[in-house]
Amino acid sequence: MRRYQAIWNQLKKHKQARVAAPANLHARIIKAVKKEKWLDRGFKLVNSELDITYQLSHSINEDKTVITFTLEDVSGVKLSDL
């Protein structure tokens, strides 16, 4: 298993994952989780067949100690809705 795959697996299962890490590692972790989403071809295939689109987003708490990742279903969102 790759180092950040566990975070991605939890994110797929629960649509949210929290990671406690020092602030100097946040950029690396965010990039790695985005890469895990990009590498997961099975996830892409299943969701494309179901016509579902997920957007990965993240937020960092005020203390800069916890990153919260979320997967949002944006398949029903249109440009006119924005």
PDB file of N, CA and C in Angstrom:
ATOM      1  N   MET A   1       0.851  -1.176   0.000  1.00  0.00           N
ATOM      2  CA  MET A   1       0.000   0.000   0.000  1.00  0.00           C
ATOM      3  C   MET A   1       0.895   1.237   0.000  1.00  0.00           C
ATOM      4  N   ARG A   2       0.497   2.195  -0.814  1.00  0.00           N
ATOM      5  CA  ARG A   2       1.242   3.447  -0.853  1.00  0.00           C
ATOM      6  C   ARG A   2       0.999   4.244   0.434  1.00  0.00           C
ATOM      7  N   ARG A   3       1.877   5.165   0.712  1.00  0.00           N
ATOM      8  CA  ARG A   3       1.870   5.896   1.982  1.00  0.00           C
ATOM      9  C   ARG A   3       0.558   6.635   2.256  1.00  0.00           C
ATOM     10  N   TYR A   4      -0.017   7.287   1.255  1.00  0.00           N
ATOM     11  CA  TYR A   4      -1.213   8.109   1.454  1.00  0.00           C
ATOM     12  C   TYR A   4      -2.499   7.422   0.984  1.00  0.00           C
ATOM     13  N   GLN A   5      -2.388   6.180   0.582  1.00  0.00           N
ATOM     14  CA  GLN A   5      -3.551   5.444   0.088  1.00  0.00           C
ATOM     15  C   GLN A   5      -4.593   5.220   1.184  1.00  0.00           C
ATOM     16  N   ALA A   6      -4.161   5.058   2.406  1.00  0.00           N
ATOM     17  CA  ALA A   6      -5.099   4.856   3.520  1.00  0.00           C
ATOM     18  C   ALA A   6      -6.009   6.079   3.701  1.00  0.00           C
ATOM     19  N   ILE A   7      -5.451   7.264   3.526  1.00  0.00           N
ATOM     20  CA  ILE A   7      -6.257   8.484   3.627  1.00  0.00           C
ATOM     21  C   ILE A   7      -7.299   8.497   2.512  1.00  0.00           C
ATOM     22  N   TRP A   8      -6.876   8.168   1.297  1.00  0.00           N
ATOM     23  CA  TRP A   8      -7.785   8.152   0.153  1.00  0.00           C
ATOM     24  C   TRP A   8      -8.885   7.108   0.346  1.00  0.00           C
ATOM     25  N   ASN A   9      -8.524   5.926   0.857  1.00  0.00           N
ATOM     26  CA  ASN A   9      -9.529   4.878   1.083  1.00  0.00           C
ATOM     27  C   ASN A   9     -10.570   5.327   2.102  1.00  0.00           C
ATOM     28  N   GLN A  10     -10.133   5.969   3.168  1.00  0.00           N
ATOM     29  CA  GLN A  10     -11.084   6.480   4.158  1.00  0.00           C
ATOM     30  C   GLN A  10     -11.958   7.570   3.541  1.00  0.00           C
ATOM     31  N   LEU A  11     -11.371   8.397   2.721  1.00  0.00           N
ATOM     32  CA  LEU A  11     -12.110   9.474   2.064  1.00  0.00           C
ATOM     33  C   LEU A  11     -13.185   8.919   1.138  1.00  0.00           C
ATOM     34  N   LYS A  12     -12.863   7.881   0.383  1.00  0.00           N
ATOM     35  CA  LYS A  12     -13.851   7.262  -0.507  1.00  0.00           C
ATOM     36  C   LYS A  12     -14.990   6.633   0.292  1.00  0.00           C
ATOM     37  N   LYS A  13     -14.649   6.023   1.400  1.00  0.00           N
ATOM     38  CA  LYS A  13     -15.645   5.300   2.191  1.00  0.00           C
ATOM     39  C   LYS A  13     -16.571   6.236   2.960  1.00  0.00           C
ATOM     40  N   HIS A  14     -16.017   7.275   3.577  1.00  0.00           N
ATOM     41  CA  HIS A  14     -16.792   8.141   4.471  1.00  0.00           C
ATOM     42  C   HIS A  14     -17.027   9.548   3.917  1.00  0.00           C
ATOM     43  N   LYS A  15     -16.450   9.856   2.739  1.00  0.00           N
ATOM     44  CA  LYS A  15     -16.560  11.176   2.097  1.00  0.00           C
ATOM     45  C   LYS A  15     -15.900  12.284   2.906  1.00  0.00           C
ATOM     46  N   GLN A  16     -15.184  11.914   3.969  1.00  0.00           N
ATOM     47  CA  GLN A  16     -14.446  12.889   4.762  1.00  0.00           C
ATOM     48  C   GLN A  16     -13.298  12.169   5.466  1.00  0.00           C
ATOM     49  N   ALA A  17     -12.155  12.848   5.556  1.00  0.00           N
ATOM     50  CA  ALA A  17     -11.006  12.300   6.274  1.00  0.00           C
ATOM     51  C   ALA A  17     -10.253  13.454   6.924  1.00  0.00           C
ATOM     52  N   ARG A  18      -9.781  13.209   8.127  1.00  0.00           N
ATOM     53  CA  ARG A  18      -9.002  14.222   8.848  1.00  0.00           C
ATOM     54  C   ARG A  18      -7.610  13.674   9.097  1.00  0.00           C
ATOM     55  N   VAL A  19      -6.625  14.550   8.908  1.00  0.00           N
ATOM     56  CA  VAL A  19      -5.231  14.172   9.100  1.00  0.00           C
ATOM     57  C   VAL A  19      -4.568  15.222   9.977  1.00  0.00           C
ATOM     58  N   ALA A  20      -3.963  14.773  11.079  1.00  0.00           N
ATOM     59  CA  ALA A  20      -3.205  15.677  11.936  1.00  0.00           C
ATOM     60  C   ALA A  20      -1.747  15.618  11.489  1.00  0.00           C
ATOM     61  N   ALA A  21      -1.184  16.790  11.183  1.00  0.00           N
ATOM     62  CA  ALA A  21       0.195  16.848  10.708  1.00  0.00           C
ATOM     63  C   ALA A  21       0.761  18.241  10.944  1.00  0.00           C
ATOM     64  N   PRO A  22       2.079  18.335  11.059  1.00  0.00           N
ATOM     65  CA  PRO A  22       2.698  19.650  11.186  1.00  0.00           C
ATOM     66  C   PRO A  22       2.453  20.492   9.932  1.00  0.00           C
ATOM     67  N   ALA A  23       2.425  21.793  10.104  1.00  0.00           N
ATOM     68  CA  ALA A  23       2.110  22.703   9.008  1.00  0.00           C
ATOM     69  C   ALA A  23       3.073  22.582   7.835  1.00  0.00           C
ATOM     70  N   ASN A  24       4.327  22.254   8.101  1.00  0.00           N
ATOM     71  CA  ASN A  24       5.293  22.162   7.007  1.00  0.00           C
ATOM     72  C   ASN A  24       5.053  20.944   6.114  1.00  0.00           C
ATOM     73  N   LEU A  25       4.195  20.016   6.513  1.00  0.00           N
ATOM     74  CA  LEU A  25       3.883  18.834   5.699  1.00  0.00           C
ATOM     75  C   LEU A  25       2.539  18.938   4.984  1.00  0.00           C
ATOM     76  N   HIS A  26       1.782  19.981   5.229  1.00  0.00           N
ATOM     77  CA  HIS A  26       0.436  20.093   4.659  1.00  0.00           C
ATOM     78  C   HIS A  26       0.439  20.059   3.140  1.00  0.00           C
ATOM     79  N   ALA A  27       1.304  20.821   2.511  1.00  0.00           N
ATOM     80  CA  ALA A  27       1.327  20.864   1.042  1.00  0.00           C
ATOM     81  C   ALA A  27       1.622  19.483   0.465  1.00  0.00           C
ATOM     82  N   ARG A  28       2.547  18.767   1.064  1.00  0.00           N
ATOM     83  CA  ARG A  28       2.901  17.424   0.586  1.00  0.00           C
ATOM     84  C   ARG A  28       1.729  16.463   0.723  1.00  0.00           C
ATOM     85  N   ILE A  29       1.037  16.523   1.848  1.00  0.00           N
ATOM     86  CA  ILE A  29      -0.095  15.624   2.080  1.00  0.00           C
ATOM     87  C   ILE A  29      -1.245  15.936   1.128  1.00  0.00           C
ATOM     88  N   ILE A  30      -1.548  17.204   0.943  1.00  0.00           N
ATOM     89  CA  ILE A  30      -2.631  17.605   0.036  1.00  0.00           C
ATOM     90  C   ILE A  30      -2.324  17.138  -1.382  1.00  0.00           C
ATOM     91  N   LYS A  31      -1.104  17.358  -1.829  1.00  0.00           N
ATOM     92  CA  LYS A  31      -0.708  16.929  -3.174  1.00  0.00           C
ATOM     93  C   LYS A  31      -0.784  15.414  -3.312  1.00  0.00           C
ATOM     94  N   ALA A  32      -0.368  14.691  -2.286  1.00  0.00           N
ATOM     95  CA  ALA A  32      -0.378  13.228  -2.337  1.00  0.00           C
ATOM     96  C   ALA A  32      -1.800  12.665  -2.383  1.00  0.00           C
ATOM     97  N   VAL A  33      -2.714  13.259  -1.636  1.00  0.00           N
ATOM     98  CA  VAL A  33      -4.100  12.781  -1.650  1.00  0.00           C
ATOM     99  C   VAL A  33      -4.740  13.072  -3.003  1.00  0.00           C
ATOM    100  N   LYS A  34      -4.447  14.235  -3.579  1.00  0.00           N
ATOM    101  CA  LYS A  34      -4.943  14.535  -4.929  1.00  0.00           C
ATOM    102  C   LYS A  34      -4.402  13.520  -5.932  1.00  0.00           C
ATOM    103  N   LYS A  35      -3.152  13.138  -5.771  1.00  0.00           N
ATOM    104  CA  LYS A  35      -2.545  12.154  -6.670  1.00  0.00           C
ATOM    105  C   LYS A  35      -3.208  10.789  -6.500  1.00  0.00           C
ATOM    106  N   GLU A  36      -3.532  10.406  -5.270  1.00  0.00           N
ATOM    107  CA  GLU A  36      -4.215   9.134  -5.031  1.00  0.00           C
ATOM    108  C   GLU A  36      -5.558   9.115  -5.751  1.00  0.00           C
ATOM    109  N   LYS A  37      -6.288  10.230  -5.710  1.00  0.00           N
ATOM    110  CA  LYS A  37      -7.560  10.310  -6.423  1.00  0.00           C
ATOM    111  C   LYS A  37      -7.329  10.153  -7.919  1.00  0.00           C
ATOM    112  N   TRP A  38      -6.301  10.806  -8.421  1.00  0.00           N
ATOM    113  CA  TRP A  38      -5.986  10.747  -9.842  1.00  0.00           C
ATOM    114  C   TRP A  38      -5.578   9.334 -10.268  1.00  0.00           C
ATOM    115  N   LEU A  39      -4.852   8.615  -9.415  1.00  0.00           N
ATOM    116  CA  LEU A  39      -4.373   7.268  -9.737  1.00  0.00           C
ATOM    117  C   LEU A  39      -5.462   6.199  -9.650  1.00  0.00           C
ATOM    118  N   ASP A  40      -6.521   6.448  -8.923  1.00  0.00           N
ATOM    119  CA  ASP A  40      -7.554   5.438  -8.674  1.00  0.00           C
ATOM    120  C   ASP A  40      -8.485   5.312  -9.884  1.00  0.00           C
ATOM    121  N   ARG A  41      -8.072   4.504 -10.833  1.00  0.00           N
ATOM    122  CA  ARG A  41      -8.850   4.341 -12.068  1.00  0.00           C
ATOM    123  C   ARG A  41     -10.166   3.612 -11.824  1.00  0.00           C
ATOM    124  N   GLY A  42     -10.194   2.702 -10.872  1.00  0.00           N
ATOM    125  CA  GLY A  42     -11.436   2.001 -10.549  1.00  0.00           C
ATOM    126  C   GLY A  42     -12.498   2.959 -10.052  1.00  0.00           C
ATOM    127  N   PHE A  43     -12.105   3.877  -9.189  1.00  0.00           N
ATOM    128  CA  PHE A  43     -13.020   4.890  -8.667  1.00  0.00           C
ATOM    129  C   PHE A  43     -13.566   5.740  -9.805  1.00  0.00           C
ATOM    130  N   LYS A  44     -12.681   6.157 -10.723  1.00  0.00           N
ATOM    131  CA  LYS A  44     -13.104   6.967 -11.862  1.00  0.00           C
ATOM    132  C   LYS A  44     -14.070   6.199 -12.763  1.00  0.00           C
ATOM    133  N   LEU A  45     -13.753   4.940 -13.025  1.00  0.00           N
ATOM    134  CA  LEU A  45     -14.570   4.134 -13.926  1.00  0.00           C
ATOM    135  C   LEU A  45     -15.969   3.904 -13.364  1.00  0.00           C
ATOM    136  N   VAL A  46     -16.038   3.487 -12.115  1.00  0.00           N
ATOM    137  CA  VAL A  46     -17.337   3.215 -11.486  1.00  0.00           C
ATOM    138  C   VAL A  46     -18.195   4.472 -11.475  1.00  0.00           C
ATOM    139  N   ASN A  47     -17.603   5.595 -11.095  1.00  0.00           N
ATOM    140  CA  ASN A  47     -18.371   6.839 -11.003  1.00  0.00           C
ATOM    141  C   ASN A  47     -18.744   7.389 -12.370  1.00  0.00           C
ATOM    142  N   SER A  48     -17.909   7.154 -13.377  1.00  0.00           N
ATOM    143  CA  SER A  48     -18.279   7.625 -14.712  1.00  0.00           C
ATOM    144  C   SER A  48     -19.443   6.812 -15.272  1.00  0.00           C
ATOM    145  N   GLU A  49     -19.487   5.519 -14.955  1.00  0.00           N
ATOM    146  CA  GLU A  49     -20.615   4.701 -15.395  1.00  0.00           C
ATOM    147  C   GLU A  49     -21.906   5.111 -14.704  1.00  0.00           C
ATOM    148  N   LEU A  50     -21.800   5.573 -13.470  1.00  0.00           N
ATOM    149  CA  LEU A  50     -22.971   6.030 -12.716  1.00  0.00           C
ATOM    150  C   LEU A  50     -23.273   7.512 -12.975  1.00  0.00           C
ATOM    151  N   ASP A  51     -22.441   8.154 -13.785  1.00  0.00           N
ATOM    152  CA  ASP A  51     -22.564   9.568 -14.114  1.00  0.00           C
ATOM    153  C   ASP A  51     -22.493  10.441 -12.857  1.00  0.00           C
ATOM    154  N   ILE A  52     -21.528  10.106 -11.995  1.00  0.00           N
ATOM    155  CA  ILE A  52     -21.300  10.853 -10.758  1.00  0.00           C
ATOM    156  C   ILE A  52     -19.933  11.521 -10.850  1.00  0.00           C
ATOM    157  N   THR A  53     -19.867  12.770 -10.446  1.00  0.00           N
ATOM    158  CA  THR A  53     -18.612  13.507 -10.420  1.00  0.00           C
ATOM    159  C   THR A  53     -18.355  13.977  -8.997  1.00  0.00           C
ATOM    160  N   TYR A  54     -17.165  13.676  -8.490  1.00  0.00           N
ATOM    161  CA  TYR A  54     -16.781  14.103  -7.147  1.00  0.00           C
ATOM    162  C   TYR A  54     -15.683  15.144  -7.229  1.00  0.00           C
ATOM    163  N   GLN A  55     -15.771  16.125  -6.343  1.00  0.00           N
ATOM    164  CA  GLN A  55     -14.741  17.147  -6.241  1.00  0.00           C
ATOM    165  C   GLN A  55     -14.055  16.987  -4.892  1.00  0.00           C
ATOM    166  N   LEU A  56     -12.747  16.930  -4.922  1.00  0.00           N
ATOM    167  CA  LEU A  56     -11.948  16.819  -3.708  1.00  0.00           C
ATOM    168  C   LEU A  56     -11.618  18.225  -3.220  1.00  0.00           C
ATOM    169  N   SER A  57     -11.917  18.494  -1.961  1.00  0.00           N
ATOM    170  CA  SER A  57     -11.562  19.781  -1.376  1.00  0.00           C
ATOM    171  C   SER A  57     -10.929  19.545  -0.011  1.00  0.00           C
ATOM    172  N   HIS A  58     -10.270  20.555   0.478  1.00  0.00           N
ATOM    173  CA  HIS A  58      -9.628  20.441   1.785  1.00  0.00           C
ATOM    174  C   HIS A  58      -9.730  21.763   2.535  1.00  0.00           C
ATOM    175  N   SER A  59      -9.612  21.668   3.835  1.00  0.00           N
ATOM    176  CA  SER A  59      -9.556  22.856   4.680  1.00  0.00           C
ATOM    177  C   SER A  59      -8.578  22.569   5.814  1.00  0.00           C
ATOM    178  N   ILE A  60      -8.017  23.626   6.350  1.00  0.00           N
ATOM    179  CA  ILE A  60      -7.045  23.510   7.434  1.00  0.00           C
ATOM    180  C   ILE A  60      -7.592  24.298   8.619  1.00  0.00           C
ATOM    181  N   ASN A  61      -7.537  23.689   9.804  1.00  0.00           N
ATOM    182  CA  ASN A  61      -8.094  24.367  10.975  1.00  0.00           C
ATOM    183  C   ASN A  61      -7.255  25.591  11.357  1.00  0.00           C
ATOM    184  N   GLU A  62      -7.758  26.389  12.272  1.00  0.00           N
ATOM    185  CA  GLU A  62      -7.104  27.647  12.656  1.00  0.00           C
ATOM    186  C   GLU A  62      -5.733  27.433  13.276  1.00  0.00           C
ATOM    187  N   ASP A  63      -5.562  26.317  13.976  1.00  0.00           N
ATOM    188  CA  ASP A  63      -4.279  26.029  14.624  1.00  0.00           C
ATOM    189  C   ASP A  63      -3.239  25.488  13.651  1.00  0.00           C
ATOM    190  N   LYS A  64      -3.659  25.233  12.420  1.00  0.00           N
ATOM    191  CA  LYS A  64      -2.791  24.677  11.372  1.00  0.00           C
ATOM    192  C   LYS A  64      -2.216  23.320  11.779  1.00  0.00           C
ATOM    193  N   THR A  65      -3.073  22.499  12.414  1.00  0.00           N
ATOM    194  CA  THR A  65      -2.617  21.175  12.839  1.00  0.00           C
ATOM    195  C   THR A  65      -3.393  20.044  12.180  1.00  0.00           C
ATOM    196  N   VAL A  66      -4.595  20.331  11.650  1.00  0.00           N
ATOM    197  CA  VAL A  66      -5.442  19.282  11.084  1.00  0.00           C
ATOM    198  C   VAL A  66      -5.919  19.694   9.692  1.00  0.00           C
ATOM    199  N   ILE A  67      -5.769  18.760   8.737  1.00  0.00           N
ATOM    200  CA  ILE A  67      -6.299  18.952   7.388  1.00  0.00           C
ATOM    201  C   ILE A  67      -7.557  18.115   7.285  1.00  0.00           C
ATOM    202  N   THR A  68      -8.643  18.700   6.832  1.00  0.00           N
ATOM    203  CA  THR A  68      -9.887  17.968   6.616  1.00  0.00           C
ATOM    204  C   THR A  68     -10.143  17.897   5.120  1.00  0.00           C
ATOM    205  N   PHE A  69     -10.181  16.677   4.599  1.00  0.00           N
ATOM    206  CA  PHE A  69     -10.482  16.443   3.194  1.00  0.00           C
ATOM    207  C   PHE A  69     -11.945  16.058   3.069  1.00  0.00           C
ATOM    208  N   THR A  70     -12.599  16.532   2.016  1.00  0.00           N
ATOM    209  CA  THR A  70     -13.984  16.137   1.751  1.00  0.00           C
ATOM    210  C   THR A  70     -14.157  15.829   0.272  1.00  0.00           C
ATOM    211  N   LEU A  71     -15.034  14.870   0.000  1.00  0.00           N
ATOM    212  CA  LEU A  71     -15.434  14.538  -1.362  1.00  0.00           C
ATOM    213  C   LEU A  71     -16.872  14.983  -1.530  1.00  0.00           C
ATOM    214  N   GLU A  72     -17.101  15.911  -2.440  1.00  0.00           N
ATOM    215  CA  GLU A  72     -18.447  16.419  -2.671  1.00  0.00           C
ATOM    216  C   GLU A  72     -18.961  15.931  -4.016  1.00  0.00           C
ATOM    217  N   ASP A  73     -20.209  15.494  -4.032  1.00  0.00           N
ATOM    218  CA  ASP A  73     -20.856  15.090  -5.276  1.00  0.00           C
ATOM    219  C   ASP A  73     -21.307  16.350  -5.998  1.00  0.00           C
ATOM    220  N   VAL A  74     -20.677  16.636  -7.126  1.00  0.00           N
ATOM    221  CA  VAL A  74     -21.016  17.841  -7.889  1.00  0.00           C
ATOM    222  C   VAL A  74     -21.625  17.479  -9.247  1.00  0.00           C
ATOM    223  N   SER A  75     -22.141  16.270  -9.368  1.00  0.00           N
ATOM    224  CA  SER A  75     -22.655  15.832 -10.651  1.00  0.00           C
ATOM    225  C   SER A  75     -23.932  16.576 -11.047  1.00  0.00           C
ATOM    226  N   GLY A  76     -24.680  17.088 -10.105  1.00  0.00           N
ATOM    227  CA  GLY A  76     -25.915  17.789 -10.438  1.00  0.00           C
ATOM    228  C   GLY A  76     -25.731  19.293 -10.584  1.00  0.00           C
ATOM    229  N   VAL A  77     -24.526  19.795 -10.384  1.00  0.00           N
ATOM    230  CA  VAL A  77     -24.259  21.223 -10.431  1.00  0.00           C
ATOM    231  C   VAL A  77     -23.982  21.631 -11.882  1.00  0.00           C
ATOM    232  N   LYS A  78     -24.656  22.689 -12.306  1.00  0.00           N
ATOM    233  CA  LYS A  78     -24.462  23.219 -13.659  1.00  0.00           C
ATOM    234  C   LYS A  78     -23.895  24.621 -13.571  1.00  0.00           C
ATOM    235  N   LEU A  79     -23.341  25.101 -14.642  1.00  0.00           N
ATOM    236  CA  LEU A  79     -22.795  26.460 -14.647  1.00  0.00           C
ATOM    237  C   LEU A  79     -23.846  27.503 -14.343  1.00  0.00           C
ATOM    238  N   SER A  80     -25.066  27.279 -14.776  1.00  0.00           N
ATOM    239  CA  SER A  80     -26.125  28.244 -14.512  1.00  0.00           C
ATOM    240  C   SER A  80     -26.474  28.308 -13.019  1.00  0.00           C
ATOM    241  N   ASP A  81     -26.157  27.231 -12.267  1.00  0.00           N
ATOM    242  CA  ASP A  81     -26.420  27.216 -10.826  1.00  0.00           C
ATOM    243  C   ASP A  81     -25.428  28.082 -10.062  1.00  0.00           C
ATOM    244  N   LEU A  82     -24.274  28.325 -10.663  1.00  0.00           N
ATOM    245  CA  LEU A  82     -23.247  29.104  -9.972  1.00  0.00           C
ATOM    246  C   LEU A  82     -23.546  30.538 -10.142  1.00  0.00           C
TER     247      LEU A  82
END
